[in-house]
Amino acid sequence: MPVPEVGPKADPEFFEEIQELFKKHPEAAKKYSIRFVGGEIAALKLDFDQTVGLSRLEGNQLVTEFVDRATLIQNESGGGFEEEEVLGEESARFCCEWVVIGNRRKCIRICS
């Protein structure tokens, strides 16, 4: 598979704006990064409307499984709650990666 063109060379205007935003908020910038997910989406045929990554640490490895979003939310909440409530402060799991679609954020990876 050919290596995709990604990052600042592929999307210079986007990365310039991100760089300025990180400069404006240096403390927040220490906690976040920009990550290319297109390769995983293509290789694993992921649809983040239906799927969410569930990550955990095992020794010095980060292991991510992609699971059915609705089933995870149903199991975590007992049913009837929105994703944000399930993954909120009360949960041992938290959203650690988001995508922005239009004016909405969607959790695509949950960490524990």
PDB file of N, CA and C in Angstrom:
ATOM      1  N   MET A   1       0.863  -1.169   0.000  1.00  0.00           N
ATOM      2  CA  MET A   1       0.000   0.000   0.000  1.00  0.00           C
ATOM      3  C   MET A   1       0.911   1.234   0.000  1.00  0.00           C
ATOM      4  N   PRO A   2       0.639   2.198  -0.871  1.00  0.00           N
ATOM      5  CA  PRO A   2       1.460   3.414  -0.913  1.00  0.00           C
ATOM      6  C   PRO A   2       1.245   4.267   0.340  1.00  0.00           C
ATOM      7  N   VAL A   3       2.291   4.969   0.726  1.00  0.00           N
ATOM      8  CA  VAL A   3       2.215   5.849   1.895  1.00  0.00           C
ATOM      9  C   VAL A   3       1.388   7.079   1.516  1.00  0.00           C
ATOM     10  N   PRO A   4       0.341   7.377   2.276  1.00  0.00           N
ATOM     11  CA  PRO A   4      -0.482   8.543   1.940  1.00  0.00           C
ATOM     12  C   PRO A   4       0.252   9.842   2.250  1.00  0.00           C
ATOM     13  N   GLU A   5      -0.083  10.878   1.508  1.00  0.00           N
ATOM     14  CA  GLU A   5       0.475  12.194   1.800  1.00  0.00           C
ATOM     15  C   GLU A   5      -0.396  12.821   2.885  1.00  0.00           C
ATOM     16  N   VAL A   6       0.192  13.014   4.056  1.00  0.00           N
ATOM     17  CA  VAL A   6      -0.553  13.528   5.203  1.00  0.00           C
ATOM     18  C   VAL A   6       0.271  14.588   5.913  1.00  0.00           C
ATOM     19  N   GLY A   7      -0.352  15.271   6.852  1.00  0.00           N
ATOM     20  CA  GLY A   7       0.362  16.226   7.694  1.00  0.00           C
ATOM     21  C   GLY A   7       0.493  17.601   7.072  1.00  0.00           C
ATOM     22  N   PRO A   8       1.452  18.361   7.565  1.00  0.00           N
ATOM     23  CA  PRO A   8       1.610  19.759   7.132  1.00  0.00           C
ATOM     24  C   PRO A   8       1.856  19.927   5.638  1.00  0.00           C
ATOM     25  N   LYS A   9       2.508  18.968   4.997  1.00  0.00           N
ATOM     26  CA  LYS A   9       2.730  19.094   3.550  1.00  0.00           C
ATOM     27  C   LYS A   9       1.440  18.917   2.770  1.00  0.00           C
ATOM     28  N   ALA A  10       0.558  18.053   3.249  1.00  0.00           N
ATOM     29  CA  ALA A  10      -0.702  17.785   2.559  1.00  0.00           C
ATOM     30  C   ALA A  10      -1.758  18.842   2.873  1.00  0.00           C
ATOM     31  N   ASP A  11      -1.756  19.355   4.094  1.00  0.00           N
ATOM     32  CA  ASP A  11      -2.782  20.299   4.544  1.00  0.00           C
ATOM     33  C   ASP A  11      -2.138  21.489   5.250  1.00  0.00           C
ATOM     34  N   PRO A  12      -1.338  22.280   4.528  1.00  0.00           N
ATOM     35  CA  PRO A  12      -0.562  23.335   5.188  1.00  0.00           C
ATOM     36  C   PRO A  12      -1.401  24.393   5.894  1.00  0.00           C
ATOM     37  N   GLU A  13      -2.506  24.815   5.309  1.00  0.00           N
ATOM     38  CA  GLU A  13      -3.330  25.855   5.941  1.00  0.00           C
ATOM     39  C   GLU A  13      -3.920  25.359   7.257  1.00  0.00           C
ATOM     40  N   PHE A  14      -4.395  24.136   7.265  1.00  0.00           N
ATOM     41  CA  PHE A  14      -4.947  23.539   8.476  1.00  0.00           C
ATOM     42  C   PHE A  14      -3.892  23.514   9.578  1.00  0.00           C
ATOM     43  N   PHE A  15      -2.696  23.035   9.245  1.00  0.00           N
ATOM     44  CA  PHE A  15      -1.643  22.924  10.251  1.00  0.00           C
ATOM     45  C   PHE A  15      -1.127  24.283  10.708  1.00  0.00           C
ATOM     46  N   GLU A  16      -1.130  25.278   9.834  1.00  0.00           N
ATOM     47  CA  GLU A  16      -0.757  26.631  10.254  1.00  0.00           C
ATOM     48  C   GLU A  16      -1.739  27.154  11.292  1.00  0.00           C
ATOM     49  N   GLU A  17      -3.027  26.930  11.060  1.00  0.00           N
ATOM     50  CA  GLU A  17      -4.037  27.376  12.025  1.00  0.00           C
ATOM     51  C   GLU A  17      -3.935  26.606  13.329  1.00  0.00           C
ATOM     52  N   ILE A  18      -3.694  25.314  13.262  1.00  0.00           N
ATOM     53  CA  ILE A  18      -3.518  24.507  14.473  1.00  0.00           C
ATOM     54  C   ILE A  18      -2.302  25.003  15.254  1.00  0.00           C
ATOM     55  N   GLN A  19      -1.213  25.279  14.546  1.00  0.00           N
ATOM     56  CA  GLN A  19       0.001  25.773  15.202  1.00  0.00           C
ATOM     57  C   GLN A  19      -0.276  27.087  15.926  1.00  0.00           C
ATOM     58  N   GLU A  20      -1.008  27.985  15.289  1.00  0.00           N
ATOM     59  CA  GLU A  20      -1.352  29.255  15.932  1.00  0.00           C
ATOM     60  C   GLU A  20      -2.249  29.023  17.145  1.00  0.00           C
ATOM     61  N   LEU A  21      -3.176  28.104  17.030  1.00  0.00           N
ATOM     62  CA  LEU A  21      -4.060  27.784  18.149  1.00  0.00           C
ATOM     63  C   LEU A  21      -3.263  27.199  19.312  1.00  0.00           C
ATOM     64  N   PHE A  22      -2.330  26.310  19.020  1.00  0.00           N
ATOM     65  CA  PHE A  22      -1.489  25.740  20.071  1.00  0.00           C
ATOM     66  C   PHE A  22      -0.622  26.818  20.720  1.00  0.00           C
ATOM     67  N   LYS A  23      -0.145  27.767  19.937  1.00  0.00           N
ATOM     68  CA  LYS A  23       0.634  28.882  20.508  1.00  0.00           C
ATOM     69  C   LYS A  23      -0.235  29.733  21.424  1.00  0.00           C
ATOM     70  N   LYS A  24      -1.479  29.921  21.042  1.00  0.00           N
ATOM     71  CA  LYS A  24      -2.410  30.740  21.827  1.00  0.00           C
ATOM     72  C   LYS A  24      -2.776  30.065  23.154  1.00  0.00           C
ATOM     73  N   HIS A  25      -2.756  28.749  23.170  1.00  0.00           N
ATOM     74  CA  HIS A  25      -3.145  27.975  24.358  1.00  0.00           C
ATOM     75  C   HIS A  25      -2.037  26.981  24.705  1.00  0.00           C
ATOM     76  N   PRO A  26      -0.865  27.451  25.161  1.00  0.00           N
ATOM     77  CA  PRO A  26       0.288  26.565  25.368  1.00  0.00           C
ATOM     78  C   PRO A  26       0.060  25.471  26.415  1.00  0.00           C
ATOM     79  N   GLU A  27      -0.678  25.744  27.466  1.00  0.00           N
ATOM     80  CA  GLU A  27      -0.904  24.717  28.486  1.00  0.00           C
ATOM     81  C   GLU A  27      -1.784  23.596  27.940  1.00  0.00           C
ATOM     82  N   ALA A  28      -2.822  23.952  27.209  1.00  0.00           N
ATOM     83  CA  ALA A  28      -3.677  22.932  26.599  1.00  0.00           C
ATOM     84  C   ALA A  28      -2.906  22.170  25.532  1.00  0.00           C
ATOM     85  N   ALA A  29      -2.045  22.863  24.797  1.00  0.00           N
ATOM     86  CA  ALA A  29      -1.280  22.236  23.724  1.00  0.00           C
ATOM     87  C   ALA A  29      -0.370  21.118  24.236  1.00  0.00           C
ATOM     88  N   LYS A  30       0.042  21.199  25.498  1.00  0.00           N
ATOM     89  CA  LYS A  30       0.886  20.151  26.071  1.00  0.00           C
ATOM     90  C   LYS A  30       0.127  18.830  26.243  1.00  0.00           C
ATOM     91  N   LYS A  31      -1.208  18.898  26.246  1.00  0.00           N
ATOM     92  CA  LYS A  31      -2.025  17.715  26.507  1.00  0.00           C
ATOM     93  C   LYS A  31      -2.580  17.061  25.246  1.00  0.00           C
ATOM     94  N   TYR A  32      -2.418  17.699  24.075  1.00  0.00           N
ATOM     95  CA  TYR A  32      -3.069  17.201  22.865  1.00  0.00           C
ATOM     96  C   TYR A  32      -2.085  17.076  21.718  1.00  0.00           C
ATOM     97  N   SER A  33      -2.480  16.281  20.730  1.00  0.00           N
ATOM     98  CA  SER A  33      -1.699  16.109  19.509  1.00  0.00           C
ATOM     99  C   SER A  33      -2.671  15.976  18.339  1.00  0.00           C
ATOM    100  N   ILE A  34      -2.139  16.043  17.135  1.00  0.00           N
ATOM    101  CA  ILE A  34      -2.932  15.821  15.931  1.00  0.00           C
ATOM    102  C   ILE A  34      -2.513  14.456  15.393  1.00  0.00           C
ATOM    103  N   ARG A  35      -3.472  13.621  15.064  1.00  0.00           N
ATOM    104  CA  ARG A  35      -3.169  12.267  14.623  1.00  0.00           C
ATOM    105  C   ARG A  35      -3.924  11.953  13.343  1.00  0.00           C
ATOM    106  N   PHE A  36      -3.263  11.349  12.381  1.00  0.00           N
ATOM    107  CA  PHE A  36      -3.880  10.906  11.141  1.00  0.00           C
ATOM    108  C   PHE A  36      -4.583   9.575  11.400  1.00  0.00           C
ATOM    109  N   VAL A  37      -5.879   9.523  11.140  1.00  0.00           N
ATOM    110  CA  VAL A  37      -6.644   8.290  11.355  1.00  0.00           C
ATOM    111  C   VAL A  37      -7.089   7.649  10.041  1.00  0.00           C
ATOM    112  N   GLY A  38      -6.806   8.316   8.942  1.00  0.00           N
ATOM    113  CA  GLY A  38      -7.262   7.820   7.643  1.00  0.00           C
ATOM    114  C   GLY A  38      -6.780   6.429   7.307  1.00  0.00           C
ATOM    115  N   GLY A  39      -5.544   6.107   7.695  1.00  0.00           N
ATOM    116  CA  GLY A  39      -5.009   4.774   7.419  1.00  0.00           C
ATOM    117  C   GLY A  39      -5.782   3.683   8.131  1.00  0.00           C
ATOM    118  N   GLU A  40      -6.110   3.927   9.399  1.00  0.00           N
ATOM    119  CA  GLU A  40      -6.891   2.943  10.161  1.00  0.00           C
ATOM    120  C   GLU A  40      -8.292   2.808   9.586  1.00  0.00           C
ATOM    121  N   ILE A  41      -8.888   3.950   9.238  1.00  0.00           N
ATOM    122  CA  ILE A  41     -10.243   3.926   8.681  1.00  0.00           C
ATOM    123  C   ILE A  41     -10.271   3.093   7.410  1.00  0.00           C
ATOM    124  N   ALA A  42      -9.285   3.312   6.536  1.00  0.00           N
ATOM    125  CA  ALA A  42      -9.246   2.580   5.269  1.00  0.00           C
ATOM    126  C   ALA A  42      -8.911   1.103   5.479  1.00  0.00           C
ATOM    127  N   ALA A  43      -7.867   0.810   6.243  1.00  0.00           N
ATOM    128  CA  ALA A  43      -7.409  -0.571   6.409  1.00  0.00           C
ATOM    129  C   ALA A  43      -8.422  -1.438   7.149  1.00  0.00           C
ATOM    130  N   LEU A  44      -9.040  -0.865   8.178  1.00  0.00           N
ATOM    131  CA  LEU A  44      -9.973  -1.635   9.002  1.00  0.00           C
ATOM    132  C   LEU A  44     -11.435  -1.402   8.624  1.00  0.00           C
ATOM    133  N   LYS A  45     -11.649  -0.548   7.623  1.00  0.00           N
ATOM    134  CA  LYS A  45     -13.009  -0.230   7.150  1.00  0.00           C
ATOM    135  C   LYS A  45     -13.885   0.253   8.309  1.00  0.00           C
ATOM    136  N   LEU A  46     -13.363   1.244   9.050  1.00  0.00           N
ATOM    137  CA  LEU A  46     -14.065   1.752  10.225  1.00  0.00           C
ATOM    138  C   LEU A  46     -15.102   2.798   9.846  1.00  0.00           C
ATOM    139  N   ASP A  47     -16.194   2.770  10.549  1.00  0.00           N
ATOM    140  CA  ASP A  47     -17.240   3.793  10.454  1.00  0.00           C
ATOM    141  C   ASP A  47     -17.470   4.260  11.887  1.00  0.00           C
ATOM    142  N   PHE A  48     -16.957   5.455  12.218  1.00  0.00           N
ATOM    143  CA  PHE A  48     -17.022   5.913  13.601  1.00  0.00           C
ATOM    144  C   PHE A  48     -18.422   6.322  14.042  1.00  0.00           C
ATOM    145  N   ASP A  49     -19.403   6.282  13.144  1.00  0.00           N
ATOM    146  CA  ASP A  49     -20.782   6.427  13.585  1.00  0.00           C
ATOM    147  C   ASP A  49     -21.253   5.133  14.250  1.00  0.00           C
ATOM    148  N   GLN A  50     -20.661   4.021  13.832  1.00  0.00           N
ATOM    149  CA  GLN A  50     -21.053   2.705  14.345  1.00  0.00           C
ATOM    150  C   GLN A  50     -20.034   2.098  15.296  1.00  0.00           C
ATOM    151  N   THR A  51     -18.791   2.565  15.223  1.00  0.00           N
ATOM    152  CA  THR A  51     -17.676   1.937  15.913  1.00  0.00           C
ATOM    153  C   THR A  51     -16.948   2.950  16.776  1.00  0.00           C
ATOM    154  N   VAL A  52     -16.359   2.473  17.859  1.00  0.00           N
ATOM    155  CA  VAL A  52     -15.513   3.313  18.700  1.00  0.00           C
ATOM    156  C   VAL A  52     -14.306   2.476  19.126  1.00  0.00           C
ATOM    157  N   GLY A  53     -13.148   3.121  19.182  1.00  0.00           N
ATOM    158  CA  GLY A  53     -11.953   2.438  19.663  1.00  0.00           C
ATOM    159  C   GLY A  53     -11.989   2.353  21.178  1.00  0.00           C
ATOM    160  N   LEU A  54     -11.612   1.235  21.718  1.00  0.00           N
ATOM    161  CA  LEU A  54     -11.554   1.037  23.164  1.00  0.00           C
ATOM    162  C   LEU A  54     -10.111   0.676  23.486  1.00  0.00           C
ATOM    163  N   SER A  55      -9.384   1.608  24.122  1.00  0.00           N
ATOM    164  CA  SER A  55      -7.941   1.441  24.348  1.00  0.00           C
ATOM    165  C   SER A  55      -7.638   1.173  25.809  1.00  0.00           C
ATOM    166  N   ARG A  56      -6.586   0.357  26.008  1.00  0.00           N
ATOM    167  CA  ARG A  56      -6.124   0.067  27.359  1.00  0.00           C
ATOM    168  C   ARG A  56      -4.616  -0.142  27.309  1.00  0.00           C
ATOM    169  N   LEU A  57      -3.966   0.102  28.430  1.00  0.00           N
ATOM    170  CA  LEU A  57      -2.535  -0.138  28.542  1.00  0.00           C
ATOM    171  C   LEU A  57      -2.301  -1.569  28.992  1.00  0.00           C
ATOM    172  N   GLU A  58      -1.377  -2.226  28.308  1.00  0.00           N
ATOM    173  CA  GLU A  58      -0.923  -3.557  28.706  1.00  0.00           C
ATOM    174  C   GLU A  58       0.588  -3.496  28.727  1.00  0.00           C
ATOM    175  N   GLY A  59       1.159  -3.354  29.916  1.00  0.00           N
ATOM    176  CA  GLY A  59       2.608  -3.176  30.032  1.00  0.00           C
ATOM    177  C   GLY A  59       3.005  -1.874  29.365  1.00  0.00           C
ATOM    178  N   ASN A  60       3.883  -1.956  28.378  1.00  0.00           N
ATOM    179  CA  ASN A  60       4.288  -0.738  27.675  1.00  0.00           C
ATOM    180  C   ASN A  60       3.633  -0.638  26.300  1.00  0.00           C
ATOM    181  N   GLN A  61       2.498  -1.308  26.116  1.00  0.00           N
ATOM    182  CA  GLN A  61       1.765  -1.259  24.858  1.00  0.00           C
ATOM    183  C   GLN A  61       0.396  -0.639  25.064  1.00  0.00           C
ATOM    184  N   LEU A  62      -0.031   0.110  24.072  1.00  0.00           N
ATOM    185  CA  LEU A  62      -1.398   0.626  24.029  1.00  0.00           C
ATOM    186  C   LEU A  62      -2.164  -0.251  23.057  1.00  0.00           C
ATOM    187  N   VAL A  63      -3.177  -0.951  23.546  1.00  0.00           N
ATOM    188  CA  VAL A  63      -3.954  -1.878  22.738  1.00  0.00           C
ATOM    189  C   VAL A  63      -5.319  -1.248  22.486  1.00  0.00           C
ATOM    190  N   THR A  64      -5.699  -1.172  21.217  1.00  0.00           N
ATOM    191  CA  THR A  64      -6.994  -0.612  20.852  1.00  0.00           C
ATOM    192  C   THR A  64      -7.804  -1.645  20.099  1.00  0.00           C
ATOM    193  N   GLU A  65      -9.015  -1.879  20.583  1.00  0.00           N
ATOM    194  CA  GLU A  65      -9.983  -2.729  19.894  1.00  0.00           C
ATOM    195  C   GLU A  65     -11.083  -1.818  19.399  1.00  0.00           C
ATOM    196  N   PHE A  66     -11.616  -2.111  18.231  1.00  0.00           N
ATOM    197  CA  PHE A  66     -12.731  -1.329  17.710  1.00  0.00           C
ATOM    198  C   PHE A  66     -13.999  -2.132  17.939  1.00  0.00           C
ATOM    199  N   VAL A  67     -14.930  -1.541  18.690  1.00  0.00           N
ATOM    200  CA  VAL A  67     -16.137  -2.237  19.110  1.00  0.00           C
ATOM    201  C   VAL A  67     -17.371  -1.467  18.655  1.00  0.00           C
ATOM    202  N   ASP A  68     -18.491  -2.154  18.684  1.00  0.00           N
ATOM    203  CA  ASP A  68     -19.758  -1.536  18.310  1.00  0.00           C
ATOM    204  C   ASP A  68     -20.115  -0.452  19.322  1.00  0.00           C
ATOM    205  N   ARG A  69     -20.278   0.777  18.840  1.00  0.00           N
ATOM    206  CA  ARG A  69     -20.550   1.928  19.700  1.00  0.00           C
ATOM    207  C   ARG A  69     -21.831   1.738  20.512  1.00  0.00           C
ATOM    208  N   ALA A  70     -22.904   1.335  19.886  1.00  0.00           N
ATOM    209  CA  ALA A  70     -24.187   1.211  20.581  1.00  0.00           C
ATOM    210  C   ALA A  70     -24.126   0.155  21.676  1.00  0.00           C
ATOM    211  N   THR A  71     -23.463  -0.963  21.402  1.00  0.00           N
ATOM    212  CA  THR A  71     -23.348  -2.027  22.403  1.00  0.00           C
ATOM    213  C   THR A  71     -22.538  -1.557  23.601  1.00  0.00           C
ATOM    214  N   LEU A  72     -21.435  -0.867  23.352  1.00  0.00           N
ATOM    215  CA  LEU A  72     -20.605  -0.370  24.451  1.00  0.00           C
ATOM    216  C   LEU A  72     -21.390   0.600  25.322  1.00  0.00           C
ATOM    217  N   ILE A  73     -22.070   1.549  24.689  1.00  0.00           N
ATOM    218  CA  ILE A  73     -22.837   2.544  25.443  1.00  0.00           C
ATOM    219  C   ILE A  73     -23.951   1.854  26.219  1.00  0.00           C
ATOM    220  N   GLN A  74     -24.630   0.904  25.594  1.00  0.00           N
ATOM    221  CA  GLN A  74     -25.702   0.160  26.271  1.00  0.00           C
ATOM    222  C   GLN A  74     -25.149  -0.579  27.485  1.00  0.00           C
ATOM    223  N   ASN A  75     -24.022  -1.271  27.327  1.00  0.00           N
ATOM    224  CA  ASN A  75     -23.436  -2.039  28.424  1.00  0.00           C
ATOM    225  C   ASN A  75     -22.933  -1.144  29.540  1.00  0.00           C
ATOM    226  N   GLU A  76     -22.332  -0.012  29.200  1.00  0.00           N
ATOM    227  CA  GLU A  76     -21.778   0.891  30.208  1.00  0.00           C
ATOM    228  C   GLU A  76     -22.876   1.602  30.989  1.00  0.00           C
ATOM    229  N   SER A  77     -23.954   1.958  30.306  1.00  0.00           N
ATOM    230  CA  SER A  77     -24.960   2.799  30.945  1.00  0.00           C
ATOM    231  C   SER A  77     -26.126   2.007  31.509  1.00  0.00           C
ATOM    232  N   GLY A  78     -26.262   0.773  31.085  1.00  0.00           N
ATOM    233  CA  GLY A  78     -27.452   0.034  31.449  1.00  0.00           C
ATOM    234  C   GLY A  78     -28.624   0.437  30.571  1.00  0.00           C
ATOM    235  N   GLY A  79     -28.362   1.268  29.590  1.00  0.00           N
ATOM    236  CA  GLY A  79     -29.397   1.699  28.657  1.00  0.00           C
ATOM    237  C   GLY A  79     -29.960   3.054  29.026  1.00  0.00           C
ATOM    238  N   GLY A  80     -30.334   3.805  28.030  1.00  0.00           N
ATOM    239  CA  GLY A  80     -31.058   5.045  28.251  1.00  0.00           C
ATOM    240  C   GLY A  80     -30.217   6.291  28.444  1.00  0.00           C
ATOM    241  N   PHE A  81     -28.909   6.206  28.375  1.00  0.00           N
ATOM    242  CA  PHE A  81     -28.081   7.385  28.579  1.00  0.00           C
ATOM    243  C   PHE A  81     -27.322   7.734  27.309  1.00  0.00           C
ATOM    244  N   GLU A  82     -26.997   8.986  27.185  1.00  0.00           N
ATOM    245  CA  GLU A  82     -26.218   9.444  26.048  1.00  0.00           C
ATOM    246  C   GLU A  82     -24.744   9.116  26.261  1.00  0.00           C
ATOM    247  N   GLU A  83     -23.987   9.082  25.180  1.00  0.00           N
ATOM    248  CA  GLU A  83     -22.566   8.759  25.213  1.00  0.00           C
ATOM    249  C   GLU A  83     -21.801   9.654  26.178  1.00  0.00           C
ATOM    250  N   GLU A  84     -22.071  10.950  26.160  1.00  0.00           N
ATOM    251  CA  GLU A  84     -21.336  11.877  27.014  1.00  0.00           C
ATOM    252  C   GLU A  84     -21.558  11.567  28.486  1.00  0.00           C
ATOM    253  N   GLU A  85     -22.752  11.112  28.839  1.00  0.00           N
ATOM    254  CA  GLU A  85     -23.039  10.774  30.226  1.00  0.00           C
ATOM    255  C   GLU A  85     -22.302   9.505  30.641  1.00  0.00           C
ATOM    256  N   VAL A  86     -22.252   8.536  29.766  1.00  0.00           N
ATOM    257  CA  VAL A  86     -21.594   7.273  30.071  1.00  0.00           C
ATOM    258  C   VAL A  86     -20.108   7.485  30.265  1.00  0.00           C
ATOM    259  N   LEU A  87     -19.528   8.346  29.444  1.00  0.00           N
ATOM    260  CA  LEU A  87     -18.084   8.536  29.469  1.00  0.00           C
ATOM    261  C   LEU A  87     -17.702   9.739  30.308  1.00  0.00           C
ATOM    262  N   GLY A  88     -18.567  10.162  31.177  1.00  0.00           N
ATOM    263  CA  GLY A  88     -18.314  11.346  31.991  1.00  0.00           C
ATOM    264  C   GLY A  88     -17.458  11.052  33.204  1.00  0.00           C
ATOM    265  N   GLU A  89     -17.496  11.943  34.161  1.00  0.00           N
ATOM    266  CA  GLU A  89     -16.632  11.876  35.336  1.00  0.00           C
ATOM    267  C   GLU A  89     -16.859  10.635  36.182  1.00  0.00           C
ATOM    268  N   GLU A  90     -18.069  10.082  36.157  1.00  0.00           N
ATOM    269  CA  GLU A  90     -18.373   8.932  36.999  1.00  0.00           C
ATOM    270  C   GLU A  90     -17.724   7.656  36.476  1.00  0.00           C
ATOM    271  N   SER A  91     -17.385   7.622  35.197  1.00  0.00           N
ATOM    272  CA  SER A  91     -16.875   6.415  34.564  1.00  0.00           C
ATOM    273  C   SER A  91     -15.363   6.314  34.717  1.00  0.00           C
ATOM    274  N   ALA A  92     -14.852   5.070  34.792  1.00  0.00           N
ATOM    275  CA  ALA A  92     -13.408   4.858  34.801  1.00  0.00           C
ATOM    276  C   ALA A  92     -12.843   5.029  33.393  1.00  0.00           C
ATOM    277  N   ARG A  93     -13.709   5.042  32.399  1.00  0.00           N
ATOM    278  CA  ARG A  93     -13.310   5.244  31.015  1.00  0.00           C
ATOM    279  C   ARG A  93     -13.577   6.687  30.631  1.00  0.00           C
ATOM    280  N   PHE A  94     -12.775   7.187  29.709  1.00  0.00           N
ATOM    281  CA  PHE A  94     -12.963   8.563  29.263  1.00  0.00           C
ATOM    282  C   PHE A  94     -12.619   8.679  27.792  1.00  0.00           C
ATOM    283  N   CYS A  95     -13.224   9.649  27.137  1.00  0.00           N
ATOM    284  CA  CYS A  95     -12.930   9.878  25.733  1.00  0.00           C
ATOM    285  C   CYS A  95     -11.547  10.506  25.628  1.00  0.00           C
ATOM    286  N   CYS A  96     -10.683   9.907  24.814  1.00  0.00           N
ATOM    287  CA  CYS A  96      -9.330  10.421  24.670  1.00  0.00           C
ATOM    288  C   CYS A  96      -8.992  10.782  23.226  1.00  0.00           C
ATOM    289  N   GLU A  97      -9.972  10.684  22.328  1.00  0.00           N
ATOM    290  CA  GLU A  97      -9.749  11.109  20.947  1.00  0.00           C
ATOM    291  C   GLU A  97     -11.091  11.463  20.321  1.00  0.00           C
ATOM    292  N   TRP A  98     -11.093  12.579  19.618  1.00  0.00           N
ATOM    293  CA  TRP A  98     -12.314  13.097  19.009  1.00  0.00           C
ATOM    294  C   TRP A  98     -12.078  13.403  17.545  1.00  0.00           C
ATOM    295  N   VAL A  99     -13.156  13.405  16.768  1.00  0.00           N
ATOM    296  CA  VAL A  99     -13.161  13.988  15.433  1.00  0.00           C
ATOM    297  C   VAL A  99     -14.220  15.080  15.458  1.00  0.00           C
ATOM    298  N   VAL A 100     -14.034  16.049  14.606  1.00  0.00           N
ATOM    299  CA  VAL A 100     -15.014  17.132  14.481  1.00  0.00           C
ATOM    300  C   VAL A 100     -15.737  16.940  13.166  1.00  0.00           C
ATOM    301  N   ILE A 101     -17.039  16.842  13.235  1.00  0.00           N
ATOM    302  CA  ILE A 101     -17.884  16.684  12.056  1.00  0.00           C
ATOM    303  C   ILE A 101     -18.875  17.837  12.075  1.00  0.00           C
ATOM    304  N   GLY A 102     -18.714  18.758  11.128  1.00  0.00           N
ATOM    305  CA  GLY A 102     -19.556  19.958  11.132  1.00  0.00           C
ATOM    306  C   GLY A 102     -19.274  20.742  12.394  1.00  0.00           C
ATOM    307  N   ASN A 103     -20.283  20.979  13.199  1.00  0.00           N
ATOM    308  CA  ASN A 103     -20.083  21.700  14.454  1.00  0.00           C
ATOM    309  C   ASN A 103     -20.196  20.774  15.668  1.00  0.00           C
ATOM    310  N   ARG A 104     -20.067  19.468  15.434  1.00  0.00           N
ATOM    311  CA  ARG A 104     -20.152  18.490  16.527  1.00  0.00           C
ATOM    312  C   ARG A 104     -18.838  17.753  16.711  1.00  0.00           C
ATOM    313  N   ARG A 105     -18.548  17.403  17.952  1.00  0.00           N
ATOM    314  CA  ARG A 105     -17.415  16.535  18.274  1.00  0.00           C
ATOM    315  C   ARG A 105     -17.955  15.124  18.488  1.00  0.00           C
ATOM    316  N   LYS A 106     -17.205  14.150  18.018  1.00  0.00           N
ATOM    317  CA  LYS A 106     -17.599  12.757  18.219  1.00  0.00           C
ATOM    318  C   LYS A 106     -16.408  12.013  18.807  1.00  0.00           C
ATOM    319  N   CYS A 107     -16.650  11.307  19.885  1.00  0.00           N
ATOM    320  CA  CYS A 107     -15.609  10.484  20.494  1.00  0.00           C
ATOM    321  C   CYS A 107     -15.341   9.294  19.589  1.00  0.00           C
ATOM    322  N   ILE A 108     -14.049   9.083  19.247  1.00  0.00           N
ATOM    323  CA  ILE A 108     -13.726   7.921  18.417  1.00  0.00           C
ATOM    324  C   ILE A 108     -12.807   6.944  19.152  1.00  0.00           C
ATOM    325  N   ARG A 109     -12.315   7.341  20.338  1.00  0.00           N
ATOM    326  CA  ARG A 109     -11.490   6.405  21.107  1.00  0.00           C
ATOM    327  C   ARG A 109     -11.719   6.645  22.584  1.00  0.00           C
ATOM    328  N   ILE A 110     -11.971   5.564  23.290  1.00  0.00           N
ATOM    329  CA  ILE A 110     -12.202   5.606  24.729  1.00  0.00           C
ATOM    330  C   ILE A 110     -11.006   4.958  25.406  1.00  0.00           C
ATOM    331  N   CYS A 111     -10.488   5.604  26.427  1.00  0.00           N
ATOM    332  CA  CYS A 111      -9.338   5.071  27.148  1.00  0.00           C
ATOM    333  C   CYS A 111      -9.733   4.715  28.571  1.00  0.00           C
ATOM    334  N   SER A 112      -9.000   3.789  29.141  1.00  0.00           N
ATOM    335  CA  SER A 112      -9.253   3.447  30.550  1.00  0.00           C
ATOM    336  C   SER A 112      -7.945   3.335  31.277  1.00  0.00           C
TER     337      SER A 112
END
